[in-house]
Amino acid sequence: MPTPTRSERDRRLVGVAVLLAVLLTLGTLLVVRQVTAEPPRSAECSAAGPAVRVDPAALPEGPVAGYGAEQLANAAAIVNAGADLGLDTCAQVIGVMTAMGESSLRVLDRGDAVGPDSRGLFQQRDNGAWGSYADRMDPATSATNFFRALQEVPDWPSLAPTIAAHRTQRNADPYHYERYWDAAVEVVGALAGRPVLGAGG
């Protein structure tokens, strides 16, 4: 086999260098894309769209999924708090689901044996993390504080909604909220005047 000339060797080296540069660039782009991409959505929230906003003066008469007028007004306050923070319909439904599981969408001025100092829609404790008593008893403020805490949960959109709620609320049972998902989807859809997400979960 003839020995390659110096110019042939140089051309081959340049070709190898170009190929390595292209591969390195592609690898870097893939890494950057993986780092900057949003976390994958949970199955329940895969169809999440932009937040909906509710007109408190135009609520459905109800009941919706067994929840009456007072409860729907509280759900509307939760939905609008999520919209004010720029969250999507998935977060809004998680907020309503959580309040269903904590208080049946009622502003409770009492706790339970586990949390006697718990108050409001989300049964938030008097530990300084959830604001004052007045904050915890106000639907909009308590919902805003819930959503801010939800946003601190790492990769919350990729979690099952009940797990995202559990990691926000620190409920004893991680699956406590699961049974309220379908009802929360139905309530948020009724408030929005159109279907949101998909039932199931």
N, C-alpha and C. Protein backbone atom coordinates (compact mmCIF):
# COMPACT_ATOMS: atom_id res chain seq x y z
N MET A 1 0.86 -1.18 0.00
CA MET A 1 0.00 0.00 0.00
C MET A 1 0.89 1.23 0.00
N PRO A 2 0.63 2.18 -0.93
CA PRO A 2 1.49 3.37 -1.00
C PRO A 2 1.32 4.24 0.22
N THR A 3 2.42 4.83 0.64
CA THR A 3 2.39 5.73 1.80
C THR A 3 1.73 7.04 1.39
N PRO A 4 0.72 7.50 2.22
CA PRO A 4 0.05 8.75 1.85
C PRO A 4 1.03 9.91 1.90
N THR A 5 0.87 10.82 0.97
CA THR A 5 1.70 12.02 0.93
C THR A 5 1.33 12.91 2.10
N ARG A 6 2.21 13.87 2.34
CA ARG A 6 1.97 14.80 3.45
C ARG A 6 0.65 15.56 3.26
N SER A 7 0.36 15.97 2.00
CA SER A 7 -0.86 16.74 1.75
C SER A 7 -2.09 15.87 1.98
N GLU A 8 -2.00 14.57 1.62
CA GLU A 8 -3.14 13.67 1.87
C GLU A 8 -3.36 13.49 3.37
N ARG A 9 -2.22 13.32 4.12
CA ARG A 9 -2.34 13.19 5.58
C ARG A 9 -2.96 14.44 6.18
N ASP A 10 -2.53 15.61 5.71
CA ASP A 10 -3.08 16.87 6.22
C ASP A 10 -4.57 16.96 5.95
N ARG A 11 -5.00 16.56 4.73
CA ARG A 11 -6.43 16.61 4.41
C ARG A 11 -7.23 15.67 5.31
N ARG A 12 -6.66 14.49 5.56
CA ARG A 12 -7.36 13.54 6.45
C ARG A 12 -7.47 14.09 7.87
N LEU A 13 -6.38 14.68 8.35
CA LEU A 13 -6.41 15.25 9.69
C LEU A 13 -7.43 16.39 9.79
N VAL A 14 -7.49 17.20 8.75
CA VAL A 14 -8.48 18.29 8.75
C VAL A 14 -9.88 17.70 8.76
N GLY A 15 -10.09 16.64 7.95
CA GLY A 15 -11.41 15.99 7.91
C GLY A 15 -11.80 15.43 9.26
N VAL A 16 -10.85 14.75 9.94
CA VAL A 16 -11.12 14.21 11.27
C VAL A 16 -11.42 15.34 12.27
N ALA A 17 -10.66 16.42 12.18
CA ALA A 17 -10.87 17.56 13.08
C ALA A 17 -12.26 18.17 12.86
N VAL A 18 -12.66 18.31 11.60
CA VAL A 18 -14.00 18.86 11.29
C VAL A 18 -15.07 17.93 11.84
N LEU A 19 -14.91 16.63 11.62
CA LEU A 19 -15.89 15.67 12.12
C LEU A 19 -16.00 15.73 13.63
N LEU A 20 -14.86 15.78 14.31
CA LEU A 20 -14.87 15.89 15.78
C LEU A 20 -15.56 17.18 16.23
N ALA A 21 -15.30 18.28 15.53
CA ALA A 21 -15.93 19.56 15.89
C ALA A 21 -17.44 19.49 15.73
N VAL A 22 -17.89 18.84 14.64
CA VAL A 22 -19.34 18.71 14.42
C VAL A 22 -19.96 17.86 15.51
N LEU A 23 -19.33 16.72 15.82
CA LEU A 23 -19.87 15.84 16.88
C LEU A 23 -19.89 16.54 18.23
N LEU A 24 -18.83 17.29 18.53
CA LEU A 24 -18.77 18.02 19.79
C LEU A 24 -19.88 19.07 19.87
N THR A 25 -20.12 19.77 18.78
CA THR A 25 -21.18 20.79 18.74
C THR A 25 -22.55 20.15 18.94
N LEU A 26 -22.80 19.02 18.24
CA LEU A 26 -24.09 18.33 18.40
C LEU A 26 -24.28 17.84 19.83
N GLY A 27 -23.22 17.29 20.40
CA GLY A 27 -23.32 16.82 21.79
C GLY A 27 -23.62 17.96 22.75
N THR A 28 -22.97 19.10 22.54
CA THR A 28 -23.22 20.26 23.39
C THR A 28 -24.66 20.74 23.27
N LEU A 29 -25.18 20.77 22.03
CA LEU A 29 -26.56 21.21 21.81
C LEU A 29 -27.55 20.27 22.50
N LEU A 30 -27.28 18.97 22.45
CA LEU A 30 -28.16 18.01 23.11
C LEU A 30 -28.15 18.20 24.62
N VAL A 31 -26.97 18.42 25.19
CA VAL A 31 -26.87 18.64 26.64
C VAL A 31 -27.61 19.91 27.03
N VAL A 32 -27.39 20.99 26.27
CA VAL A 32 -28.06 22.26 26.57
C VAL A 32 -29.57 22.10 26.49
N ARG A 33 -30.03 21.37 25.47
CA ARG A 33 -31.47 21.17 25.31
C ARG A 33 -32.04 20.40 26.50
N GLN A 34 -31.32 19.37 26.96
CA GLN A 34 -31.81 18.59 28.09
C GLN A 34 -31.84 19.43 29.36
N VAL A 35 -30.85 20.28 29.55
CA VAL A 35 -30.78 21.09 30.77
C VAL A 35 -31.86 22.16 30.77
N THR A 36 -32.12 22.77 29.60
CA THR A 36 -33.05 23.90 29.55
C THR A 36 -34.49 23.48 29.29
N ALA A 37 -34.73 22.24 28.88
CA ALA A 37 -36.09 21.81 28.60
C ALA A 37 -36.90 21.75 29.88
N GLU A 38 -38.20 22.06 29.75
CA GLU A 38 -39.08 21.94 30.90
C GLU A 38 -39.20 20.46 31.28
N PRO A 39 -39.48 20.19 32.56
CA PRO A 39 -39.66 18.79 32.94
C PRO A 39 -40.87 18.21 32.23
N PRO A 40 -40.88 16.91 31.96
CA PRO A 40 -42.03 16.32 31.30
C PRO A 40 -43.27 16.44 32.17
N ARG A 41 -44.40 16.53 31.53
CA ARG A 41 -45.67 16.65 32.25
C ARG A 41 -46.12 15.29 32.76
N SER A 42 -46.81 15.31 33.91
CA SER A 42 -47.46 14.09 34.36
C SER A 42 -48.56 13.74 33.37
N ALA A 43 -48.99 12.50 33.38
CA ALA A 43 -50.03 12.06 32.43
C ALA A 43 -51.30 12.89 32.60
N GLU A 44 -51.65 13.20 33.83
CA GLU A 44 -52.88 13.96 34.08
C GLU A 44 -52.80 15.38 33.52
N CYS A 45 -51.60 15.93 33.49
CA CYS A 45 -51.43 17.33 33.11
C CYS A 45 -50.82 17.50 31.73
N SER A 46 -50.72 16.43 30.96
CA SER A 46 -50.07 16.52 29.66
C SER A 46 -50.80 17.46 28.71
N ALA A 47 -52.10 17.64 28.91
CA ALA A 47 -52.88 18.52 28.03
C ALA A 47 -53.09 19.91 28.64
N ALA A 48 -52.28 20.26 29.62
CA ALA A 48 -52.46 21.56 30.30
C ALA A 48 -52.25 22.71 29.33
N GLY A 49 -53.12 23.70 29.44
CA GLY A 49 -52.99 24.90 28.64
C GLY A 49 -52.79 26.10 29.53
N PRO A 50 -52.87 27.30 28.96
CA PRO A 50 -52.71 28.51 29.76
C PRO A 50 -53.79 28.59 30.83
N ALA A 51 -53.51 29.35 31.86
CA ALA A 51 -54.46 29.51 32.96
C ALA A 51 -55.78 30.06 32.46
N VAL A 52 -56.84 29.65 33.12
CA VAL A 52 -58.15 30.23 32.87
C VAL A 52 -58.42 31.27 33.96
N ARG A 53 -59.25 32.25 33.64
CA ARG A 53 -59.65 33.26 34.62
C ARG A 53 -61.17 33.21 34.74
N VAL A 54 -61.64 33.37 35.96
CA VAL A 54 -63.07 33.22 36.25
C VAL A 54 -63.64 34.56 36.69
N ASP A 55 -64.81 34.89 36.16
CA ASP A 55 -65.54 36.09 36.59
C ASP A 55 -66.35 35.71 37.83
N PRO A 56 -66.00 36.23 39.02
CA PRO A 56 -66.72 35.84 40.23
C PRO A 56 -68.20 36.18 40.20
N ALA A 57 -68.59 37.09 39.31
CA ALA A 57 -70.01 37.47 39.20
C ALA A 57 -70.77 36.57 38.24
N ALA A 58 -70.09 35.65 37.60
CA ALA A 58 -70.75 34.79 36.61
C ALA A 58 -70.44 33.32 36.86
N LEU A 59 -70.57 32.90 38.11
CA LEU A 59 -70.28 31.51 38.45
C LEU A 59 -71.48 30.63 38.10
N PRO A 60 -71.23 29.36 37.79
CA PRO A 60 -72.36 28.45 37.58
C PRO A 60 -73.17 28.32 38.86
N GLU A 61 -74.47 28.09 38.70
CA GLU A 61 -75.35 27.99 39.88
C GLU A 61 -75.02 26.76 40.72
N GLY A 62 -74.54 25.74 40.08
CA GLY A 62 -74.19 24.53 40.82
C GLY A 62 -75.42 23.72 41.18
N PRO A 63 -75.24 22.63 41.86
CA PRO A 63 -73.92 22.12 42.24
C PRO A 63 -73.15 21.55 41.04
N VAL A 64 -71.83 21.56 41.18
CA VAL A 64 -70.94 20.94 40.20
C VAL A 64 -70.11 19.91 40.95
N ALA A 65 -70.19 18.67 40.53
CA ALA A 65 -69.48 17.57 41.18
C ALA A 65 -69.79 17.51 42.67
N GLY A 66 -71.00 17.96 43.04
CA GLY A 66 -71.41 17.92 44.44
C GLY A 66 -71.04 19.16 45.23
N TYR A 67 -70.44 20.16 44.61
CA TYR A 67 -70.02 21.38 45.31
C TYR A 67 -70.97 22.52 44.97
N GLY A 68 -71.45 23.22 46.03
CA GLY A 68 -72.45 24.27 45.89
C GLY A 68 -71.84 25.65 45.68
N ALA A 69 -72.70 26.66 45.78
CA ALA A 69 -72.35 28.03 45.43
C ALA A 69 -71.16 28.57 46.21
N GLU A 70 -71.17 28.42 47.53
CA GLU A 70 -70.06 28.93 48.35
C GLU A 70 -68.75 28.26 47.98
N GLN A 71 -68.82 26.95 47.78
CA GLN A 71 -67.61 26.20 47.43
C GLN A 71 -67.10 26.57 46.05
N LEU A 72 -68.00 26.81 45.11
CA LEU A 72 -67.58 27.21 43.76
C LEU A 72 -66.95 28.60 43.78
N ALA A 73 -67.46 29.48 44.64
CA ALA A 73 -66.84 30.81 44.77
C ALA A 73 -65.42 30.68 45.30
N ASN A 74 -65.21 29.77 46.24
CA ASN A 74 -63.86 29.54 46.77
C ASN A 74 -62.96 28.92 45.71
N ALA A 75 -63.51 28.00 44.91
CA ALA A 75 -62.73 27.41 43.82
C ALA A 75 -62.34 28.49 42.81
N ALA A 76 -63.24 29.43 42.55
CA ALA A 76 -62.93 30.53 41.63
C ALA A 76 -61.78 31.38 42.16
N ALA A 77 -61.76 31.62 43.47
CA ALA A 77 -60.66 32.39 44.07
C ALA A 77 -59.33 31.65 43.89
N ILE A 78 -59.36 30.33 44.01
CA ILE A 78 -58.14 29.52 43.82
C ILE A 78 -57.68 29.62 42.36
N VAL A 79 -58.62 29.44 41.44
CA VAL A 79 -58.29 29.48 40.01
C VAL A 79 -57.69 30.84 39.64
N ASN A 80 -58.29 31.92 40.13
CA ASN A 80 -57.78 33.26 39.78
C ASN A 80 -56.43 33.54 40.43
N ALA A 81 -56.20 32.99 41.62
CA ALA A 81 -54.88 33.16 42.24
C ALA A 81 -53.81 32.49 41.40
N GLY A 82 -54.12 31.31 40.85
CA GLY A 82 -53.17 30.63 39.96
C GLY A 82 -52.93 31.43 38.70
N ALA A 83 -53.99 32.02 38.14
CA ALA A 83 -53.84 32.84 36.94
C ALA A 83 -52.98 34.07 37.23
N ASP A 84 -53.17 34.68 38.38
CA ASP A 84 -52.40 35.88 38.75
C ASP A 84 -50.90 35.59 38.82
N LEU A 85 -50.54 34.34 39.14
CA LEU A 85 -49.13 33.96 39.23
C LEU A 85 -48.60 33.42 37.90
N GLY A 86 -49.43 33.42 36.87
CA GLY A 86 -48.98 32.95 35.56
C GLY A 86 -48.87 31.44 35.44
N LEU A 87 -49.57 30.71 36.29
CA LEU A 87 -49.53 29.26 36.23
C LEU A 87 -50.52 28.75 35.18
N ASP A 88 -50.50 27.44 34.93
CA ASP A 88 -51.37 26.88 33.89
C ASP A 88 -52.56 26.15 34.51
N THR A 89 -53.36 25.55 33.64
CA THR A 89 -54.56 24.87 34.13
C THR A 89 -54.23 23.68 35.02
N CYS A 90 -53.10 23.04 34.79
CA CYS A 90 -52.70 21.92 35.65
C CYS A 90 -52.56 22.39 37.09
N ALA A 91 -51.82 23.47 37.30
CA ALA A 91 -51.64 24.01 38.65
C ALA A 91 -52.97 24.43 39.25
N GLN A 92 -53.83 25.05 38.45
CA GLN A 92 -55.12 25.49 38.96
C GLN A 92 -55.96 24.31 39.44
N VAL A 93 -55.96 23.23 38.66
CA VAL A 93 -56.72 22.04 39.06
C VAL A 93 -56.09 21.41 40.32
N ILE A 94 -54.76 21.39 40.39
CA ILE A 94 -54.11 20.86 41.60
C ILE A 94 -54.51 21.69 42.82
N GLY A 95 -54.58 23.02 42.67
CA GLY A 95 -55.00 23.86 43.79
C GLY A 95 -56.41 23.54 44.25
N VAL A 96 -57.33 23.41 43.30
CA VAL A 96 -58.72 23.10 43.66
C VAL A 96 -58.80 21.70 44.27
N MET A 97 -58.10 20.74 43.68
CA MET A 97 -58.09 19.37 44.21
C MET A 97 -57.60 19.35 45.66
N THR A 98 -56.54 20.11 45.94
CA THR A 98 -55.96 20.13 47.28
C THR A 98 -56.94 20.71 48.29
N ALA A 99 -57.59 21.81 47.92
CA ALA A 99 -58.56 22.42 48.83
C ALA A 99 -59.77 21.51 49.04
N MET A 100 -60.15 20.76 48.01
CA MET A 100 -61.22 19.78 48.19
C MET A 100 -60.82 18.75 49.25
N GLY A 101 -59.59 18.28 49.14
CA GLY A 101 -59.11 17.27 50.09
C GLY A 101 -58.89 17.79 51.49
N GLU A 102 -58.61 19.07 51.62
CA GLU A 102 -58.33 19.65 52.94
C GLU A 102 -59.59 20.17 53.64
N SER A 103 -60.51 20.78 52.88
CA SER A 103 -61.61 21.49 53.53
C SER A 103 -62.95 21.34 52.83
N SER A 104 -63.02 20.51 51.79
CA SER A 104 -64.22 20.44 50.95
C SER A 104 -64.57 21.81 50.37
N LEU A 105 -63.54 22.60 50.07
CA LEU A 105 -63.69 23.95 49.48
C LEU A 105 -64.45 24.90 50.40
N ARG A 106 -64.24 24.75 51.70
CA ARG A 106 -64.84 25.67 52.68
C ARG A 106 -63.72 26.33 53.49
N VAL A 107 -63.93 27.56 53.88
CA VAL A 107 -62.96 28.28 54.71
C VAL A 107 -63.24 27.89 56.16
N LEU A 108 -62.49 26.92 56.66
CA LEU A 108 -62.73 26.37 58.00
C LEU A 108 -61.95 27.13 59.05
N ASP A 109 -62.64 27.51 60.10
CA ASP A 109 -61.99 28.18 61.22
C ASP A 109 -61.73 27.17 62.35
N ARG A 110 -61.21 26.04 61.94
CA ARG A 110 -60.87 24.98 62.90
C ARG A 110 -59.89 24.03 62.24
N GLY A 111 -59.16 23.29 63.07
CA GLY A 111 -58.26 22.28 62.56
C GLY A 111 -58.78 20.91 62.91
N ASP A 112 -57.85 19.96 63.05
CA ASP A 112 -58.22 18.61 63.47
C ASP A 112 -57.24 18.14 64.53
N ALA A 113 -57.34 16.88 64.90
CA ALA A 113 -56.49 16.36 65.97
C ALA A 113 -55.01 16.45 65.60
N VAL A 114 -54.70 16.23 64.32
CA VAL A 114 -53.31 16.26 63.88
C VAL A 114 -52.80 17.70 63.81
N GLY A 115 -53.64 18.61 63.34
CA GLY A 115 -53.25 20.01 63.19
C GLY A 115 -54.30 20.94 63.77
N PRO A 116 -54.37 21.04 65.09
CA PRO A 116 -55.42 21.88 65.70
C PRO A 116 -55.32 23.36 65.33
N ASP A 117 -54.14 23.78 64.85
CA ASP A 117 -53.96 25.18 64.47
C ASP A 117 -54.17 25.40 62.97
N SER A 118 -54.60 24.37 62.24
CA SER A 118 -54.85 24.49 60.80
C SER A 118 -56.10 25.32 60.55
N ARG A 119 -56.05 26.14 59.49
CA ARG A 119 -57.17 27.02 59.18
C ARG A 119 -57.31 27.19 57.67
N GLY A 120 -58.53 27.56 57.27
CA GLY A 120 -58.79 28.00 55.91
C GLY A 120 -59.03 26.90 54.90
N LEU A 121 -59.07 27.29 53.64
CA LEU A 121 -59.32 26.37 52.53
C LEU A 121 -58.29 25.25 52.45
N PHE A 122 -57.04 25.59 52.74
CA PHE A 122 -55.94 24.63 52.59
C PHE A 122 -55.49 24.07 53.94
N GLN A 123 -56.21 24.41 55.00
CA GLN A 123 -55.84 23.94 56.34
C GLN A 123 -54.36 24.19 56.61
N GLN A 124 -53.95 25.43 56.41
CA GLN A 124 -52.55 25.80 56.58
C GLN A 124 -52.25 26.04 58.06
N ARG A 125 -51.08 25.58 58.48
CA ARG A 125 -50.71 25.61 59.89
C ARG A 125 -50.21 26.99 60.32
N ASP A 126 -50.29 27.23 61.62
CA ASP A 126 -49.83 28.49 62.21
C ASP A 126 -48.35 28.36 62.55
N ASN A 127 -47.52 28.17 61.51
CA ASN A 127 -46.08 27.96 61.73
C ASN A 127 -45.23 29.04 61.07
N GLY A 128 -45.90 30.10 60.57
CA GLY A 128 -45.17 31.18 59.93
C GLY A 128 -44.98 31.01 58.44
N ALA A 129 -45.12 29.78 57.94
CA ALA A 129 -44.89 29.53 56.51
C ALA A 129 -46.06 29.99 55.65
N TRP A 130 -47.24 30.09 56.26
CA TRP A 130 -48.45 30.37 55.49
C TRP A 130 -49.04 31.74 55.81
N GLY A 131 -48.30 32.58 56.46
CA GLY A 131 -48.80 33.92 56.75
C GLY A 131 -49.60 33.98 58.04
N SER A 132 -50.30 35.08 58.19
CA SER A 132 -51.07 35.34 59.41
C SER A 132 -52.38 34.54 59.40
N TYR A 133 -53.08 34.61 60.50
CA TYR A 133 -54.42 34.00 60.59
C TYR A 133 -55.31 34.58 59.49
N ALA A 134 -55.28 35.89 59.31
CA ALA A 134 -56.11 36.53 58.28
C ALA A 134 -55.73 36.02 56.89
N ASP A 135 -54.43 35.83 56.64
CA ASP A 135 -53.98 35.29 55.35
C ASP A 135 -54.54 33.90 55.12
N ARG A 136 -54.48 33.06 56.14
CA ARG A 136 -54.93 31.68 56.00
C ARG A 136 -56.45 31.58 55.83
N MET A 137 -57.16 32.57 56.35
CA MET A 137 -58.63 32.57 56.25
C MET A 137 -59.12 33.27 54.98
N ASP A 138 -58.24 33.91 54.24
CA ASP A 138 -58.63 34.59 53.01
C ASP A 138 -58.38 33.66 51.83
N PRO A 139 -59.44 33.32 51.05
CA PRO A 139 -59.25 32.35 49.96
C PRO A 139 -58.17 32.74 48.95
N ALA A 140 -58.14 33.99 48.52
CA ALA A 140 -57.16 34.40 47.51
C ALA A 140 -55.74 34.35 48.06
N THR A 141 -55.55 34.84 49.28
CA THR A 141 -54.20 34.87 49.86
C THR A 141 -53.72 33.46 50.18
N SER A 142 -54.58 32.64 50.75
CA SER A 142 -54.15 31.27 51.08
C SER A 142 -53.85 30.48 49.82
N ALA A 143 -54.63 30.71 48.76
CA ALA A 143 -54.36 30.02 47.49
C ALA A 143 -53.04 30.50 46.89
N THR A 144 -52.79 31.81 46.95
CA THR A 144 -51.52 32.34 46.44
C THR A 144 -50.34 31.72 47.18
N ASN A 145 -50.46 31.61 48.50
CA ASN A 145 -49.38 31.00 49.28
C ASN A 145 -49.22 29.52 48.96
N PHE A 146 -50.33 28.84 48.70
CA PHE A 146 -50.24 27.43 48.28
C PHE A 146 -49.47 27.32 46.96
N PHE A 147 -49.85 28.15 45.97
CA PHE A 147 -49.20 28.06 44.66
C PHE A 147 -47.73 28.43 44.72
N ARG A 148 -47.38 29.39 45.55
CA ARG A 148 -45.96 29.74 45.68
C ARG A 148 -45.17 28.56 46.26
N ALA A 149 -45.77 27.86 47.22
CA ALA A 149 -45.10 26.69 47.79
C ALA A 149 -45.04 25.56 46.76
N LEU A 150 -46.09 25.39 45.96
CA LEU A 150 -46.08 24.37 44.91
C LEU A 150 -44.93 24.61 43.94
N GLN A 151 -44.71 25.86 43.58
CA GLN A 151 -43.64 26.19 42.64
C GLN A 151 -42.25 25.87 43.19
N GLU A 152 -42.14 25.74 44.50
CA GLU A 152 -40.86 25.40 45.11
C GLU A 152 -40.60 23.89 45.10
N VAL A 153 -41.61 23.10 44.76
CA VAL A 153 -41.44 21.64 44.70
C VAL A 153 -40.69 21.30 43.42
N PRO A 154 -39.52 20.65 43.53
CA PRO A 154 -38.74 20.35 42.32
C PRO A 154 -39.53 19.55 41.30
N ASP A 155 -39.53 20.03 40.05
CA ASP A 155 -40.17 19.33 38.92
C ASP A 155 -41.62 18.96 39.19
N TRP A 156 -42.36 19.84 39.89
CA TRP A 156 -43.74 19.49 40.25
C TRP A 156 -44.59 19.12 39.04
N PRO A 157 -44.39 19.73 37.84
CA PRO A 157 -45.28 19.35 36.73
C PRO A 157 -45.14 17.88 36.31
N SER A 158 -44.00 17.27 36.60
CA SER A 158 -43.78 15.89 36.18
C SER A 158 -44.35 14.89 37.19
N LEU A 159 -44.74 15.38 38.36
CA LEU A 159 -45.26 14.50 39.41
C LEU A 159 -46.74 14.24 39.22
N ALA A 160 -47.20 13.10 39.71
CA ALA A 160 -48.65 12.88 39.77
C ALA A 160 -49.24 14.01 40.63
N PRO A 161 -50.40 14.56 40.25
CA PRO A 161 -50.95 15.69 41.01
C PRO A 161 -51.04 15.47 42.51
N THR A 162 -51.44 14.27 42.94
CA THR A 162 -51.55 14.02 44.38
C THR A 162 -50.19 14.11 45.06
N ILE A 163 -49.12 13.70 44.36
CA ILE A 163 -47.78 13.77 44.94
C ILE A 163 -47.31 15.22 45.00
N ALA A 164 -47.59 15.99 43.94
CA ALA A 164 -47.24 17.42 43.95
C ALA A 164 -47.94 18.13 45.11
N ALA A 165 -49.23 17.82 45.30
CA ALA A 165 -49.98 18.43 46.41
C ALA A 165 -49.41 17.98 47.75
N HIS A 166 -49.11 16.71 47.87
CA HIS A 166 -48.56 16.17 49.13
C HIS A 166 -47.24 16.83 49.49
N ARG A 167 -46.36 17.02 48.50
CA ARG A 167 -45.06 17.63 48.79
C ARG A 167 -45.19 19.11 49.12
N THR A 168 -46.28 19.72 48.70
CA THR A 168 -46.54 21.11 49.05
C THR A 168 -47.13 21.20 50.45
N GLN A 169 -48.10 20.34 50.73
CA GLN A 169 -48.87 20.40 51.98
C GLN A 169 -48.27 19.57 53.11
N ARG A 170 -47.46 18.57 52.75
CA ARG A 170 -46.90 17.63 53.75
C ARG A 170 -47.99 16.84 54.45
N ASN A 171 -49.00 16.43 53.69
CA ASN A 171 -50.06 15.60 54.25
C ASN A 171 -49.47 14.24 54.62
N ALA A 172 -50.06 13.57 55.59
CA ALA A 172 -49.54 12.28 56.03
C ALA A 172 -49.64 11.22 54.93
N ASP A 173 -50.68 11.29 54.11
CA ASP A 173 -50.91 10.29 53.06
C ASP A 173 -50.64 10.91 51.69
N PRO A 174 -49.61 10.48 50.97
CA PRO A 174 -49.29 11.06 49.68
C PRO A 174 -50.41 10.92 48.65
N TYR A 175 -51.29 9.94 48.85
CA TYR A 175 -52.36 9.69 47.88
C TYR A 175 -53.72 10.19 48.36
N HIS A 176 -53.71 10.99 49.40
CA HIS A 176 -54.96 11.51 49.96
C HIS A 176 -55.76 12.31 48.93
N TYR A 177 -55.09 13.06 48.08
CA TYR A 177 -55.79 13.99 47.17
C TYR A 177 -56.25 13.32 45.87
N GLU A 178 -55.75 12.12 45.61
CA GLU A 178 -56.00 11.47 44.33
C GLU A 178 -57.48 11.36 44.00
N ARG A 179 -58.30 11.05 45.00
CA ARG A 179 -59.73 10.82 44.77
C ARG A 179 -60.47 12.09 44.36
N TYR A 180 -59.85 13.26 44.55
CA TYR A 180 -60.52 14.53 44.22
C TYR A 180 -60.15 15.07 42.83
N TRP A 181 -59.27 14.38 42.13
CA TRP A 181 -58.78 14.91 40.85
C TRP A 181 -59.91 15.11 39.84
N ASP A 182 -60.71 14.08 39.61
CA ASP A 182 -61.77 14.18 38.60
C ASP A 182 -62.75 15.30 38.94
N ALA A 183 -63.12 15.41 40.21
CA ALA A 183 -64.04 16.47 40.63
C ALA A 183 -63.42 17.84 40.41
N ALA A 184 -62.12 17.96 40.68
CA ALA A 184 -61.44 19.25 40.49
C ALA A 184 -61.40 19.62 39.01
N VAL A 185 -61.14 18.65 38.14
CA VAL A 185 -61.16 18.90 36.70
C VAL A 185 -62.55 19.38 36.28
N GLU A 186 -63.59 18.73 36.80
CA GLU A 186 -64.96 19.10 36.46
C GLU A 186 -65.30 20.50 36.95
N VAL A 187 -64.90 20.83 38.18
CA VAL A 187 -65.20 22.14 38.74
C VAL A 187 -64.47 23.24 37.96
N VAL A 188 -63.19 23.06 37.70
CA VAL A 188 -62.44 24.08 36.97
C VAL A 188 -63.01 24.24 35.56
N GLY A 189 -63.40 23.14 34.94
CA GLY A 189 -64.02 23.22 33.62
C GLY A 189 -65.34 23.98 33.66
N ALA A 190 -66.14 23.74 34.68
CA ALA A 190 -67.41 24.46 34.80
C ALA A 190 -67.17 25.95 35.04
N LEU A 191 -66.18 26.28 35.84
CA LEU A 191 -65.85 27.70 36.09
C LEU A 191 -65.33 28.36 34.82
N ALA A 192 -64.56 27.61 34.03
CA ALA A 192 -63.98 28.16 32.80
C ALA A 192 -64.99 28.22 31.66
N GLY A 193 -66.05 27.42 31.80
CA GLY A 193 -67.04 27.37 30.72
C GLY A 193 -66.60 26.50 29.56
N ARG A 194 -65.63 25.64 29.79
CA ARG A 194 -65.15 24.74 28.74
C ARG A 194 -64.36 23.61 29.41
N PRO A 195 -64.19 22.49 28.72
CA PRO A 195 -63.41 21.40 29.32
C PRO A 195 -61.95 21.81 29.53
N VAL A 196 -61.36 21.34 30.60
CA VAL A 196 -59.92 21.54 30.85
C VAL A 196 -59.30 20.20 31.17
N LEU A 197 -58.09 19.98 30.69
CA LEU A 197 -57.35 18.73 30.91
C LEU A 197 -58.19 17.55 30.50
N GLY A 198 -57.92 16.41 31.12
CA GLY A 198 -58.70 15.22 30.85
C GLY A 198 -59.05 14.55 32.14
N ALA A 199 -60.18 13.93 32.21
CA ALA A 199 -60.58 13.24 33.43
C ALA A 199 -59.68 12.04 33.63
N GLY A 200 -59.56 11.63 34.86
CA GLY A 200 -58.74 10.47 35.19
C GLY A 200 -57.62 10.85 36.10
N GLY A 201 -57.16 9.94 36.89
CA GLY A 201 -56.07 10.23 37.80
C GLY A 201 -56.39 9.68 39.13
